[in-house]
Amino acid sequence: RALVVRARDLGLRRLFCLTFEVDFFAEH
């Protein structure tokens, strides 16, 4: 959540991740 807030503060519109934890990231 903190990283998403920081991304928004920086004006980013998209966030990428490469993960094995698909369900965790899908929850977000």
mmCIF file of all heavy atoms, coordinates in Angstrom:
data_MODEL
# 
_entry.id   MODEL 
# 
loop_
_atom_site.group_PDB 
_atom_site.id 
_atom_site.type_symbol 
_atom_site.label_atom_id 
_atom_site.label_alt_id 
_atom_site.label_comp_id 
_atom_site.label_asym_id 
_atom_site.label_entity_id 
_atom_site.label_seq_id 
_atom_site.pdbx_PDB_ins_code 
_atom_site.Cartn_x 
_atom_site.Cartn_y 
_atom_site.Cartn_z 
_atom_site.occupancy 
_atom_site.B_iso_or_equiv 
_atom_site.pdbx_formal_charge 
_atom_site.auth_seq_id 
_atom_site.auth_comp_id 
_atom_site.auth_asym_id 
_atom_site.auth_atom_id 
_atom_site.pdbx_PDB_model_num 
ATOM 1   N N   . ARG A 1 1  ? 0.831  -1.214  0.000   1.00 0.00 ? 1  ARG A N   1 
ATOM 2   C CA  . ARG A 1 1  ? 0.000  0.000   0.000   1.00 0.00 ? 1  ARG A CA  1 
ATOM 3   C C   . ARG A 1 1  ? 0.864  1.262   0.000   1.00 0.00 ? 1  ARG A C   1 
ATOM 4   O O   . ARG A 1 1  ? 0.584  2.222   -0.709  1.00 0.00 ? 1  ARG A O   1 
ATOM 5   C CB  . ARG A 1 1  ? -0.948 -0.009  1.198   1.00 0.00 ? 1  ARG A CB  1 
ATOM 6   C CG  . ARG A 1 1  ? -2.217 -0.801  0.962   1.00 0.00 ? 1  ARG A CG  1 
ATOM 7   C CD  . ARG A 1 1  ? -3.272 -0.504  2.029   1.00 0.00 ? 1  ARG A CD  1 
ATOM 8   N NE  . ARG A 1 1  ? -3.261 -1.396  3.170   1.00 0.00 ? 1  ARG A NE  1 
ATOM 9   C CZ  . ARG A 1 1  ? -3.749 -2.625  3.171   1.00 0.00 ? 1  ARG A CZ  1 
ATOM 10  N NH1 . ARG A 1 1  ? -4.265 -3.139  2.093   1.00 0.00 ? 1  ARG A NH1 1 
ATOM 11  N NH2 . ARG A 1 1  ? -3.723 -3.357  4.262   1.00 0.00 ? 1  ARG A NH2 1 
ATOM 12  N N   . ALA A 1 2  ? 1.914  1.251   0.806   1.00 0.00 ? 2  ALA A N   1 
ATOM 13  C CA  . ALA A 1 2  ? 2.813  2.412   0.866   1.00 0.00 ? 2  ALA A CA  1 
ATOM 14  C C   . ALA A 1 2  ? 3.505  2.641   -0.475  1.00 0.00 ? 2  ALA A C   1 
ATOM 15  O O   . ALA A 1 2  ? 3.665  3.794   -0.913  1.00 0.00 ? 2  ALA A O   1 
ATOM 16  C CB  . ALA A 1 2  ? 3.848  2.228   1.973   1.00 0.00 ? 2  ALA A CB  1 
ATOM 17  N N   . LEU A 1 3  ? 3.888  1.569   -1.146  1.00 0.00 ? 3  LEU A N   1 
ATOM 18  C CA  . LEU A 1 3  ? 4.536  1.709   -2.456  1.00 0.00 ? 3  LEU A CA  1 
ATOM 19  C C   . LEU A 1 3  ? 3.560  2.237   -3.500  1.00 0.00 ? 3  LEU A C   1 
ATOM 20  O O   . LEU A 1 3  ? 3.932  3.040   -4.361  1.00 0.00 ? 3  LEU A O   1 
ATOM 21  C CB  . LEU A 1 3  ? 5.143  0.375   -2.888  1.00 0.00 ? 3  LEU A CB  1 
ATOM 22  C CG  . LEU A 1 3  ? 6.291  -0.140  -2.013  1.00 0.00 ? 3  LEU A CG  1 
ATOM 23  C CD1 . LEU A 1 3  ? 6.688  -1.546  -2.440  1.00 0.00 ? 3  LEU A CD1 1 
ATOM 24  C CD2 . LEU A 1 3  ? 7.477  0.812   -2.032  1.00 0.00 ? 3  LEU A CD2 1 
ATOM 25  N N   . VAL A 1 4  ? 2.308  1.803   -3.428  1.00 0.00 ? 4  VAL A N   1 
ATOM 26  C CA  . VAL A 1 4  ? 1.281  2.298   -4.352  1.00 0.00 ? 4  VAL A CA  1 
ATOM 27  C C   . VAL A 1 4  ? 1.032  3.784   -4.115  1.00 0.00 ? 4  VAL A C   1 
ATOM 28  O O   . VAL A 1 4  ? 0.938  4.568   -5.070  1.00 0.00 ? 4  VAL A O   1 
ATOM 29  C CB  . VAL A 1 4  ? -0.018 1.470   -4.238  1.00 0.00 ? 4  VAL A CB  1 
ATOM 30  C CG1 . VAL A 1 4  ? -1.168 2.138   -4.971  1.00 0.00 ? 4  VAL A CG1 1 
ATOM 31  C CG2 . VAL A 1 4  ? 0.209  0.054   -4.766  1.00 0.00 ? 4  VAL A CG2 1 
ATOM 32  N N   . VAL A 1 5  ? 0.965  4.193   -2.859  1.00 0.00 ? 5  VAL A N   1 
ATOM 33  C CA  . VAL A 1 5  ? 0.781  5.618   -2.541  1.00 0.00 ? 5  VAL A CA  1 
ATOM 34  C C   . VAL A 1 5  ? 1.954  6.426   -3.092  1.00 0.00 ? 5  VAL A C   1 
ATOM 35  O O   . VAL A 1 5  ? 1.773  7.475   -3.713  1.00 0.00 ? 5  VAL A O   1 
ATOM 36  C CB  . VAL A 1 5  ? 0.626  5.828   -1.020  1.00 0.00 ? 5  VAL A CB  1 
ATOM 37  C CG1 . VAL A 1 5  ? 0.779  7.303   -0.638  1.00 0.00 ? 5  VAL A CG1 1 
ATOM 38  C CG2 . VAL A 1 5  ? -0.713 5.289   -0.546  1.00 0.00 ? 5  VAL A CG2 1 
ATOM 39  N N   . ARG A 1 6  ? 3.165  5.932   -2.891  1.00 0.00 ? 6  ARG A N   1 
ATOM 40  C CA  . ARG A 1 6  ? 4.340  6.640   -3.403  1.00 0.00 ? 6  ARG A CA  1 
ATOM 41  C C   . ARG A 1 6  ? 4.293  6.735   -4.924  1.00 0.00 ? 6  ARG A C   1 
ATOM 42  O O   . ARG A 1 6  ? 4.597  7.774   -5.504  1.00 0.00 ? 6  ARG A O   1 
ATOM 43  C CB  . ARG A 1 6  ? 5.622  5.944   -2.955  1.00 0.00 ? 6  ARG A CB  1 
ATOM 44  C CG  . ARG A 1 6  ? 6.840  6.816   -3.274  1.00 0.00 ? 6  ARG A CG  1 
ATOM 45  C CD  . ARG A 1 6  ? 8.168  6.189   -3.036  1.00 0.00 ? 6  ARG A CD  1 
ATOM 46  N NE  . ARG A 1 6  ? 8.353  5.585   -1.733  1.00 0.00 ? 6  ARG A NE  1 
ATOM 47  C CZ  . ARG A 1 6  ? 9.454  4.923   -1.402  1.00 0.00 ? 6  ARG A CZ  1 
ATOM 48  N NH1 . ARG A 1 6  ? 10.442 4.783   -2.271  1.00 0.00 ? 6  ARG A NH1 1 
ATOM 49  N NH2 . ARG A 1 6  ? 9.578  4.391   -0.209  1.00 0.00 ? 6  ARG A NH2 1 
ATOM 50  N N   . ALA A 1 7  ? 3.890  5.646   -5.582  1.00 0.00 ? 7  ALA A N   1 
ATOM 51  C CA  . ALA A 1 7  ? 3.786  5.650   -7.047  1.00 0.00 ? 7  ALA A CA  1 
ATOM 52  C C   . ALA A 1 7  ? 2.788  6.714   -7.514  1.00 0.00 ? 7  ALA A C   1 
ATOM 53  O O   . ALA A 1 7  ? 3.059  7.459   -8.457  1.00 0.00 ? 7  ALA A O   1 
ATOM 54  C CB  . ALA A 1 7  ? 3.381  4.269   -7.554  1.00 0.00 ? 7  ALA A CB  1 
ATOM 55  N N   . ARG A 1 8  ? 1.653  6.777   -6.839  1.00 0.00 ? 8  ARG A N   1 
ATOM 56  C CA  . ARG A 1 8  ? 0.656  7.804   -7.186  1.00 0.00 ? 8  ARG A CA  1 
ATOM 57  C C   . ARG A 1 8  ? 1.214  9.202   -6.962  1.00 0.00 ? 8  ARG A C   1 
ATOM 58  O O   . ARG A 1 8  ? 1.014  10.096  -7.783  1.00 0.00 ? 8  ARG A O   1 
ATOM 59  C CB  . ARG A 1 8  ? -0.620 7.595   -6.386  1.00 0.00 ? 8  ARG A CB  1 
ATOM 60  C CG  . ARG A 1 8  ? -1.456 6.455   -6.868  1.00 0.00 ? 8  ARG A CG  1 
ATOM 61  C CD  . ARG A 1 8  ? -2.836 6.421   -6.185  1.00 0.00 ? 8  ARG A CD  1 
ATOM 62  N NE  . ARG A 1 8  ? -3.640 5.392   -6.771  1.00 0.00 ? 8  ARG A NE  1 
ATOM 63  C CZ  . ARG A 1 8  ? -4.062 4.308   -6.138  1.00 0.00 ? 8  ARG A CZ  1 
ATOM 64  N NH1 . ARG A 1 8  ? -3.783 4.125   -4.861  1.00 0.00 ? 8  ARG A NH1 1 
ATOM 65  N NH2 . ARG A 1 8  ? -4.780 3.406   -6.763  1.00 0.00 ? 8  ARG A NH2 1 
ATOM 66  N N   . ASP A 1 9  ? 1.903  9.401   -5.842  1.00 0.00 ? 9  ASP A N   1 
ATOM 67  C CA  . ASP A 1 9  ? 2.498  10.705  -5.545  1.00 0.00 ? 9  ASP A CA  1 
ATOM 68  C C   . ASP A 1 9  ? 3.500  11.126  -6.619  1.00 0.00 ? 9  ASP A C   1 
ATOM 69  O O   . ASP A 1 9  ? 3.666  12.312  -6.886  1.00 0.00 ? 9  ASP A O   1 
ATOM 70  C CB  . ASP A 1 9  ? 3.199  10.693  -4.182  1.00 0.00 ? 9  ASP A CB  1 
ATOM 71  C CG  . ASP A 1 9  ? 2.242  10.658  -3.005  1.00 0.00 ? 9  ASP A CG  1 
ATOM 72  O OD1 . ASP A 1 9  ? 1.016  10.879  -3.204  1.00 0.00 ? 9  ASP A OD1 1 
ATOM 73  O OD2 . ASP A 1 9  ? 2.709  10.402  -1.878  1.00 0.00 ? 9  ASP A OD2 1 
ATOM 74  N N   . LEU A 1 10 ? 4.159  10.159  -7.218  1.00 0.00 ? 10 LEU A N   1 
ATOM 75  C CA  . LEU A 1 10 ? 5.129  10.440  -8.275  1.00 0.00 ? 10 LEU A CA  1 
ATOM 76  C C   . LEU A 1 10 ? 4.476  10.615  -9.648  1.00 0.00 ? 10 LEU A C   1 
ATOM 77  O O   . LEU A 1 10 ? 5.166  10.886  -10.630 1.00 0.00 ? 10 LEU A O   1 
ATOM 78  C CB  . LEU A 1 10 ? 6.175  9.315   -8.338  1.00 0.00 ? 10 LEU A CB  1 
ATOM 79  C CG  . LEU A 1 10 ? 7.133  9.262   -7.150  1.00 0.00 ? 10 LEU A CG  1 
ATOM 80  C CD1 . LEU A 1 10 ? 7.937  7.968   -7.180  1.00 0.00 ? 10 LEU A CD1 1 
ATOM 81  C CD2 . LEU A 1 10 ? 8.050  10.479  -7.156  1.00 0.00 ? 10 LEU A CD2 1 
ATOM 82  N N   . GLY A 1 11 ? 3.168  10.421  -9.721  1.00 0.00 ? 11 GLY A N   1 
ATOM 83  C CA  . GLY A 1 11 ? 2.462  10.582  -10.976 1.00 0.00 ? 11 GLY A CA  1 
ATOM 84  C C   . GLY A 1 11 ? 2.479  9.365   -11.878 1.00 0.00 ? 11 GLY A C   1 
ATOM 85  O O   . GLY A 1 11 ? 2.123  9.461   -13.056 1.00 0.00 ? 11 GLY A O   1 
ATOM 86  N N   . LEU A 1 12 ? 2.865  8.219   -11.335 1.00 0.00 ? 12 LEU A N   1 
ATOM 87  C CA  . LEU A 1 12 ? 2.843  7.000   -12.145 1.00 0.00 ? 12 LEU A CA  1 
ATOM 88  C C   . LEU A 1 12 ? 1.397  6.582   -12.376 1.00 0.00 ? 12 LEU A C   1 
ATOM 89  O O   . LEU A 1 12 ? 0.527  6.829   -11.547 1.00 0.00 ? 12 LEU A O   1 
ATOM 90  C CB  . LEU A 1 12 ? 3.615  5.877   -11.453 1.00 0.00 ? 12 LEU A CB  1 
ATOM 91  C CG  . LEU A 1 12 ? 5.085  6.146   -11.166 1.00 0.00 ? 12 LEU A CG  1 
ATOM 92  C CD1 . LEU A 1 12 ? 5.726  4.929   -10.511 1.00 0.00 ? 12 LEU A CD1 1 
ATOM 93  C CD2 . LEU A 1 12 ? 5.843  6.535   -12.425 1.00 0.00 ? 12 LEU A CD2 1 
ATOM 94  N N   . ARG A 1 13 ? 1.164  5.944   -13.506 1.00 0.00 ? 13 ARG A N   1 
ATOM 95  C CA  . ARG A 1 13 ? -0.180 5.466   -13.825 1.00 0.00 ? 13 ARG A CA  1 
ATOM 96  C C   . ARG A 1 13 ? -0.280 3.950   -13.828 1.00 0.00 ? 13 ARG A C   1 
ATOM 97  O O   . ARG A 1 13 ? -1.375 3.397   -13.834 1.00 0.00 ? 13 ARG A O   1 
ATOM 98  C CB  . ARG A 1 13 ? -0.616 6.022   -15.183 1.00 0.00 ? 13 ARG A CB  1 
ATOM 99  C CG  . ARG A 1 13 ? -0.813 7.531   -15.160 1.00 0.00 ? 13 ARG A CG  1 
ATOM 100 C CD  . ARG A 1 13 ? -1.456 8.036   -16.425 1.00 0.00 ? 13 ARG A CD  1 
ATOM 101 N NE  . ARG A 1 13 ? -0.706 7.648   -17.592 1.00 0.00 ? 13 ARG A NE  1 
ATOM 102 C CZ  . ARG A 1 13 ? -0.017 8.480   -18.359 1.00 0.00 ? 13 ARG A CZ  1 
ATOM 103 N NH1 . ARG A 1 13 ? 0.009  9.752   -18.098 1.00 0.00 ? 13 ARG A NH1 1 
ATOM 104 N NH2 . ARG A 1 13 ? 0.636  8.040   -19.403 1.00 0.00 ? 13 ARG A NH2 1 
ATOM 105 N N   . ARG A 1 14 ? 0.883  3.271   -13.824 1.00 0.00 ? 14 ARG A N   1 
ATOM 106 C CA  . ARG A 1 14 ? 0.876  1.809   -13.844 1.00 0.00 ? 14 ARG A CA  1 
ATOM 107 C C   . ARG A 1 14 ? 2.028  1.274   -13.002 1.00 0.00 ? 14 ARG A C   1 
ATOM 108 O O   . ARG A 1 14 ? 3.093  1.875   -12.965 1.00 0.00 ? 14 ARG A O   1 
ATOM 109 C CB  . ARG A 1 14 ? 1.017  1.292   -15.278 1.00 0.00 ? 14 ARG A CB  1 
ATOM 110 C CG  . ARG A 1 14 ? -0.130 1.718   -16.165 1.00 0.00 ? 14 ARG A CG  1 
ATOM 111 C CD  . ARG A 1 14 ? 0.068  1.323   -17.613 1.00 0.00 ? 14 ARG A CD  1 
ATOM 112 N NE  . ARG A 1 14 ? 1.266  1.958   -18.134 1.00 0.00 ? 14 ARG A NE  1 
ATOM 113 C CZ  . ARG A 1 14 ? 1.918  1.538   -19.208 1.00 0.00 ? 14 ARG A CZ  1 
ATOM 114 N NH1 . ARG A 1 14 ? 1.481  0.502   -19.882 1.00 0.00 ? 14 ARG A NH1 1 
ATOM 115 N NH2 . ARG A 1 14 ? 2.995  2.165   -19.631 1.00 0.00 ? 14 ARG A NH2 1 
ATOM 116 N N   . LEU A 1 15 ? 1.768  0.122   -12.379 1.00 0.00 ? 15 LEU A N   1 
ATOM 117 C CA  . LEU A 1 15 ? 2.798  -0.573  -11.614 1.00 0.00 ? 15 LEU A CA  1 
ATOM 118 C C   . LEU A 1 15 ? 2.883  -2.008  -12.105 1.00 0.00 ? 15 LEU A C   1 
ATOM 119 O O   . LEU A 1 15 ? 1.874  -2.694  -12.226 1.00 0.00 ? 15 LEU A O   1 
ATOM 120 C CB  . LEU A 1 15 ? 2.457  -0.592  -10.120 1.00 0.00 ? 15 LEU A CB  1 
ATOM 121 C CG  . LEU A 1 15 ? 2.840  0.613   -9.298  1.00 0.00 ? 15 LEU A CG  1 
ATOM 122 C CD1 . LEU A 1 15 ? 2.410  0.396   -7.844  1.00 0.00 ? 15 LEU A CD1 1 
ATOM 123 C CD2 . LEU A 1 15 ? 4.324  0.876   -9.371  1.00 0.00 ? 15 LEU A CD2 1 
ATOM 124 N N   . PHE A 1 16 ? 4.086  -2.452  -12.331 1.00 0.00 ? 16 PHE A N   1 
ATOM 125 C CA  . PHE A 1 16 ? 4.385  -3.799  -12.795 1.00 0.00 ? 16 PHE A CA  1 
ATOM 126 C C   . PHE A 1 16 ? 4.962  -4.597  -11.638 1.00 0.00 ? 16 PHE A C   1 
ATOM 127 O O   . PHE A 1 16 ? 5.610  -4.057  -10.749 1.00 0.00 ? 16 PHE A O   1 
ATOM 128 C CB  . PHE A 1 16 ? 5.422  -3.703  -13.929 1.00 0.00 ? 16 PHE A CB  1 
ATOM 129 C CG  . PHE A 1 16 ? 6.056  -5.008  -14.315 1.00 0.00 ? 16 PHE A CG  1 
ATOM 130 C CD1 . PHE A 1 16 ? 5.356  -5.950  -15.048 1.00 0.00 ? 16 PHE A CD1 1 
ATOM 131 C CD2 . PHE A 1 16 ? 7.369  -5.291  -13.952 1.00 0.00 ? 16 PHE A CD2 1 
ATOM 132 C CE1 . PHE A 1 16 ? 5.944  -7.158  -15.415 1.00 0.00 ? 16 PHE A CE1 1 
ATOM 133 C CE2 . PHE A 1 16 ? 7.964  -6.493  -14.312 1.00 0.00 ? 16 PHE A CE2 1 
ATOM 134 C CZ  . PHE A 1 16 ? 7.252  -7.417  -15.048 1.00 0.00 ? 16 PHE A CZ  1 
ATOM 135 N N   . CYS A 1 17 ? 4.733  -5.901  -11.653 1.00 0.00 ? 17 CYS A N   1 
ATOM 136 C CA  . CYS A 1 17 ? 5.455  -6.803  -10.762 1.00 0.00 ? 17 CYS A CA  1 
ATOM 137 C C   . CYS A 1 17 ? 5.631  -8.137  -11.465 1.00 0.00 ? 17 CYS A C   1 
ATOM 138 O O   . CYS A 1 17 ? 4.848  -8.506  -12.342 1.00 0.00 ? 17 CYS A O   1 
ATOM 139 C CB  . CYS A 1 17 ? 4.761  -6.981  -9.415  1.00 0.00 ? 17 CYS A CB  1 
ATOM 140 S SG  . CYS A 1 17 ? 3.241  -7.937  -9.486  1.00 0.00 ? 17 CYS A SG  1 
ATOM 141 N N   . LEU A 1 18 ? 6.681  -8.828  -11.109 1.00 0.00 ? 18 LEU A N   1 
ATOM 142 C CA  . LEU A 1 18 ? 6.955  -10.189 -11.561 1.00 0.00 ? 18 LEU A CA  1 
ATOM 143 C C   . LEU A 1 18 ? 6.926  -11.032 -10.303 1.00 0.00 ? 18 LEU A C   1 
ATOM 144 O O   . LEU A 1 18 ? 7.722  -10.812 -9.387  1.00 0.00 ? 18 LEU A O   1 
ATOM 145 C CB  . LEU A 1 18 ? 8.335  -10.252 -12.226 1.00 0.00 ? 18 LEU A CB  1 
ATOM 146 C CG  . LEU A 1 18 ? 8.763  -11.623 -12.728 1.00 0.00 ? 18 LEU A CG  1 
ATOM 147 C CD1 . LEU A 1 18 ? 7.940  -12.034 -13.939 1.00 0.00 ? 18 LEU A CD1 1 
ATOM 148 C CD2 . LEU A 1 18 ? 10.245 -11.610 -13.084 1.00 0.00 ? 18 LEU A CD2 1 
ATOM 149 N N   . THR A 1 19 ? 5.990  -11.971 -10.228 1.00 0.00 ? 19 THR A N   1 
ATOM 150 C CA  . THR A 1 19 ? 5.757  -12.604 -8.940  1.00 0.00 ? 19 THR A CA  1 
ATOM 151 C C   . THR A 1 19 ? 5.277  -14.047 -9.030  1.00 0.00 ? 19 THR A C   1 
ATOM 152 O O   . THR A 1 19 ? 4.677  -14.446 -10.021 1.00 0.00 ? 19 THR A O   1 
ATOM 153 C CB  . THR A 1 19 ? 4.721  -11.783 -8.131  1.00 0.00 ? 19 THR A CB  1 
ATOM 154 O OG1 . THR A 1 19 ? 4.618  -12.322 -6.823  1.00 0.00 ? 19 THR A OG1 1 
ATOM 155 C CG2 . THR A 1 19 ? 3.361  -11.781 -8.797  1.00 0.00 ? 19 THR A CG2 1 
ATOM 156 N N   . PHE A 1 20 ? 5.544  -14.779 -7.958  1.00 0.00 ? 20 PHE A N   1 
ATOM 157 C CA  . PHE A 1 20 ? 4.923  -16.077 -7.732  1.00 0.00 ? 20 PHE A CA  1 
ATOM 158 C C   . PHE A 1 20 ? 3.667  -15.900 -6.887  1.00 0.00 ? 20 PHE A C   1 
ATOM 159 O O   . PHE A 1 20 ? 2.855  -16.802 -6.783  1.00 0.00 ? 20 PHE A O   1 
ATOM 160 C CB  . PHE A 1 20 ? 5.880  -17.012 -6.971  1.00 0.00 ? 20 PHE A CB  1 
ATOM 161 C CG  . PHE A 1 20 ? 7.050  -17.497 -7.782  1.00 0.00 ? 20 PHE A CG  1 
ATOM 162 C CD1 . PHE A 1 20 ? 8.296  -16.905 -7.632  1.00 0.00 ? 20 PHE A CD1 1 
ATOM 163 C CD2 . PHE A 1 20 ? 6.912  -18.537 -8.673  1.00 0.00 ? 20 PHE A CD2 1 
ATOM 164 C CE1 . PHE A 1 20 ? 9.385  -17.352 -8.362  1.00 0.00 ? 20 PHE A CE1 1 
ATOM 165 C CE2 . PHE A 1 20 ? 7.987  -18.993 -9.412  1.00 0.00 ? 20 PHE A CE2 1 
ATOM 166 C CZ  . PHE A 1 20 ? 9.231  -18.395 -9.256  1.00 0.00 ? 20 PHE A CZ  1 
ATOM 167 N N   . GLU A 1 21 ? 3.529  -14.751 -6.244  1.00 0.00 ? 21 GLU A N   1 
ATOM 168 C CA  . GLU A 1 21 ? 2.434  -14.483 -5.298  1.00 0.00 ? 21 GLU A CA  1 
ATOM 169 C C   . GLU A 1 21 ? 1.258  -13.809 -6.008  1.00 0.00 ? 21 GLU A C   1 
ATOM 170 O O   . GLU A 1 21 ? 0.855  -12.690 -5.676  1.00 0.00 ? 21 GLU A O   1 
ATOM 171 C CB  . GLU A 1 21 ? 2.947  -13.614 -4.146  1.00 0.00 ? 21 GLU A CB  1 
ATOM 172 C CG  . GLU A 1 21 ? 4.123  -14.200 -3.396  1.00 0.00 ? 21 GLU A CG  1 
ATOM 173 C CD  . GLU A 1 21 ? 3.828  -15.539 -2.729  1.00 0.00 ? 21 GLU A CD  1 
ATOM 174 O OE1 . GLU A 1 21 ? 2.654  -15.796 -2.387  1.00 0.00 ? 21 GLU A OE1 1 
ATOM 175 O OE2 . GLU A 1 21 ? 4.776  -16.323 -2.553  1.00 0.00 ? 21 GLU A OE2 1 
ATOM 176 N N   . VAL A 1 22 ? 0.687  -14.503 -6.970  1.00 0.00 ? 22 VAL A N   1 
ATOM 177 C CA  . VAL A 1 22 ? -0.366 -13.948 -7.822  1.00 0.00 ? 22 VAL A CA  1 
ATOM 178 C C   . VAL A 1 22 ? -1.581 -13.523 -7.000  1.00 0.00 ? 22 VAL A C   1 
ATOM 179 O O   . VAL A 1 22 ? -2.108 -12.419 -7.183  1.00 0.00 ? 22 VAL A O   1 
ATOM 180 C CB  . VAL A 1 22 ? -0.763 -14.962 -8.919  1.00 0.00 ? 22 VAL A CB  1 
ATOM 181 C CG1 . VAL A 1 22 ? -1.949 -14.464 -9.730  1.00 0.00 ? 22 VAL A CG1 1 
ATOM 182 C CG2 . VAL A 1 22 ? 0.435  -15.234 -9.825  1.00 0.00 ? 22 VAL A CG2 1 
ATOM 183 N N   . ASP A 1 23 ? -2.038 -14.361 -6.090  1.00 0.00 ? 23 ASP A N   1 
ATOM 184 C CA  . ASP A 1 23 ? -3.230 -14.034 -5.304  1.00 0.00 ? 23 ASP A CA  1 
ATOM 185 C C   . ASP A 1 23 ? -3.012 -12.778 -4.456  1.00 0.00 ? 23 ASP A C   1 
ATOM 186 O O   . ASP A 1 23 ? -3.893 -11.928 -4.355  1.00 0.00 ? 23 ASP A O   1 
ATOM 187 C CB  . ASP A 1 23 ? -3.642 -15.203 -4.412  1.00 0.00 ? 23 ASP A CB  1 
ATOM 188 C CG  . ASP A 1 23 ? -4.141 -16.401 -5.216  1.00 0.00 ? 23 ASP A CG  1 
ATOM 189 O OD1 . ASP A 1 23 ? -4.511 -16.220 -6.399  1.00 0.00 ? 23 ASP A OD1 1 
ATOM 190 O OD2 . ASP A 1 23 ? -4.157 -17.512 -4.663  1.00 0.00 ? 23 ASP A OD2 1 
ATOM 191 N N   . PHE A 1 24 ? -1.838 -12.665 -3.846  1.00 0.00 ? 24 PHE A N   1 
ATOM 192 C CA  . PHE A 1 24 ? -1.526 -11.499 -3.027  1.00 0.00 ? 24 PHE A CA  1 
ATOM 193 C C   . PHE A 1 24 ? -1.628 -10.218 -3.853  1.00 0.00 ? 24 PHE A C   1 
ATOM 194 O O   . PHE A 1 24 ? -2.287 -9.252  -3.463  1.00 0.00 ? 24 PHE A O   1 
ATOM 195 C CB  . PHE A 1 24 ? -0.121 -11.635 -2.424  1.00 0.00 ? 24 PHE A CB  1 
ATOM 196 C CG  . PHE A 1 24 ? 0.361  -10.393 -1.730  1.00 0.00 ? 24 PHE A CG  1 
ATOM 197 C CD1 . PHE A 1 24 ? -0.017 -10.122 -0.428  1.00 0.00 ? 24 PHE A CD1 1 
ATOM 198 C CD2 . PHE A 1 24 ? 1.195  -9.499  -2.378  1.00 0.00 ? 24 PHE A CD2 1 
ATOM 199 C CE1 . PHE A 1 24 ? 0.430  -8.976  0.222   1.00 0.00 ? 24 PHE A CE1 1 
ATOM 200 C CE2 . PHE A 1 24 ? 1.643  -8.345  -1.744  1.00 0.00 ? 24 PHE A CE2 1 
ATOM 201 C CZ  . PHE A 1 24 ? 1.253  -8.084  -0.439  1.00 0.00 ? 24 PHE A CZ  1 
ATOM 202 N N   . PHE A 1 25 ? -0.986 -10.203 -5.001  1.00 0.00 ? 25 PHE A N   1 
ATOM 203 C CA  . PHE A 1 25 ? -1.008 -8.989  -5.829  1.00 0.00 ? 25 PHE A CA  1 
ATOM 204 C C   . PHE A 1 25 ? -2.391 -8.755  -6.432  1.00 0.00 ? 25 PHE A C   1 
ATOM 205 O O   . PHE A 1 25 ? -2.827 -7.614  -6.559  1.00 0.00 ? 25 PHE A O   1 
ATOM 206 C CB  . PHE A 1 25 ? 0.085  -9.035  -6.900  1.00 0.00 ? 25 PHE A CB  1 
ATOM 207 C CG  . PHE A 1 25 ? 1.441  -8.692  -6.348  1.00 0.00 ? 25 PHE A CG  1 
ATOM 208 C CD1 . PHE A 1 25 ? 2.314  -9.679  -5.937  1.00 0.00 ? 25 PHE A CD1 1 
ATOM 209 C CD2 . PHE A 1 25 ? 1.835  -7.375  -6.214  1.00 0.00 ? 25 PHE A CD2 1 
ATOM 210 C CE1 . PHE A 1 25 ? 3.561  -9.367  -5.407  1.00 0.00 ? 25 PHE A CE1 1 
ATOM 211 C CE2 . PHE A 1 25 ? 3.074  -7.032  -5.685  1.00 0.00 ? 25 PHE A CE2 1 
ATOM 212 C CZ  . PHE A 1 25 ? 3.944  -8.037  -5.284  1.00 0.00 ? 25 PHE A CZ  1 
ATOM 213 N N   . ALA A 1 26 ? -3.103 -9.822  -6.766  1.00 0.00 ? 26 ALA A N   1 
ATOM 214 C CA  . ALA A 1 26 ? -4.465 -9.677  -7.294  1.00 0.00 ? 26 ALA A CA  1 
ATOM 215 C C   . ALA A 1 26 ? -5.376 -9.006  -6.266  1.00 0.00 ? 26 ALA A C   1 
ATOM 216 O O   . ALA A 1 26 ? -6.246 -8.209  -6.636  1.00 0.00 ? 26 ALA A O   1 
ATOM 217 C CB  . ALA A 1 26 ? -5.020 -11.028 -7.719  1.00 0.00 ? 26 ALA A CB  1 
ATOM 218 N N   . GLU A 1 27 ? -5.171 -9.300  -4.975  1.00 0.00 ? 27 GLU A N   1 
ATOM 219 C CA  . GLU A 1 27 ? -5.950 -8.642  -3.923  1.00 0.00 ? 27 GLU A CA  1 
ATOM 220 C C   . GLU A 1 27 ? -5.793 -7.128  -3.946  1.00 0.00 ? 27 GLU A C   1 
ATOM 221 O O   . GLU A 1 27 ? -6.655 -6.404  -3.471  1.00 0.00 ? 27 GLU A O   1 
ATOM 222 C CB  . GLU A 1 27 ? -5.512 -9.137  -2.533  1.00 0.00 ? 27 GLU A CB  1 
ATOM 223 C CG  . GLU A 1 27 ? -5.959 -10.519 -2.178  1.00 0.00 ? 27 GLU A CG  1 
ATOM 224 C CD  . GLU A 1 27 ? -5.455 -10.909 -0.787  1.00 0.00 ? 27 GLU A CD  1 
ATOM 225 O OE1 . GLU A 1 27 ? -5.549 -10.073 0.142   1.00 0.00 ? 27 GLU A OE1 1 
ATOM 226 O OE2 . GLU A 1 27 ? -4.964 -12.045 -0.651  1.00 0.00 ? 27 GLU A OE2 1 
ATOM 227 N N   . HIS A 1 28 ? -4.696 -6.672  -4.513  1.00 0.00 ? 28 HIS A N   1 
ATOM 228 C CA  . HIS A 1 28 ? -4.408 -5.237  -4.587  1.00 0.00 ? 28 HIS A CA  1 
ATOM 229 C C   . HIS A 1 28 ? -4.683 -4.660  -5.973  1.00 0.00 ? 28 HIS A C   1 
ATOM 230 O O   . HIS A 1 28 ? -4.288 -3.535  -6.263  1.00 0.00 ? 28 HIS A O   1 
ATOM 231 C CB  . HIS A 1 28 ? -2.957 -4.984  -4.177  1.00 0.00 ? 28 HIS A CB  1 
ATOM 232 C CG  . HIS A 1 28 ? -2.724 -5.269  -2.726  1.00 0.00 ? 28 HIS A CG  1 
ATOM 233 N ND1 . HIS A 1 28 ? -2.902 -4.337  -1.737  1.00 0.00 ? 28 HIS A ND1 1 
ATOM 234 C CD2 . HIS A 1 28 ? -2.366 -6.414  -2.089  1.00 0.00 ? 28 HIS A CD2 1 
ATOM 235 C CE1 . HIS A 1 28 ? -2.656 -4.880  -0.567  1.00 0.00 ? 28 HIS A CE1 1 
ATOM 236 N NE2 . HIS A 1 28 ? -2.337 -6.142  -0.751  1.00 0.00 ? 28 HIS A NE2 1 
# 
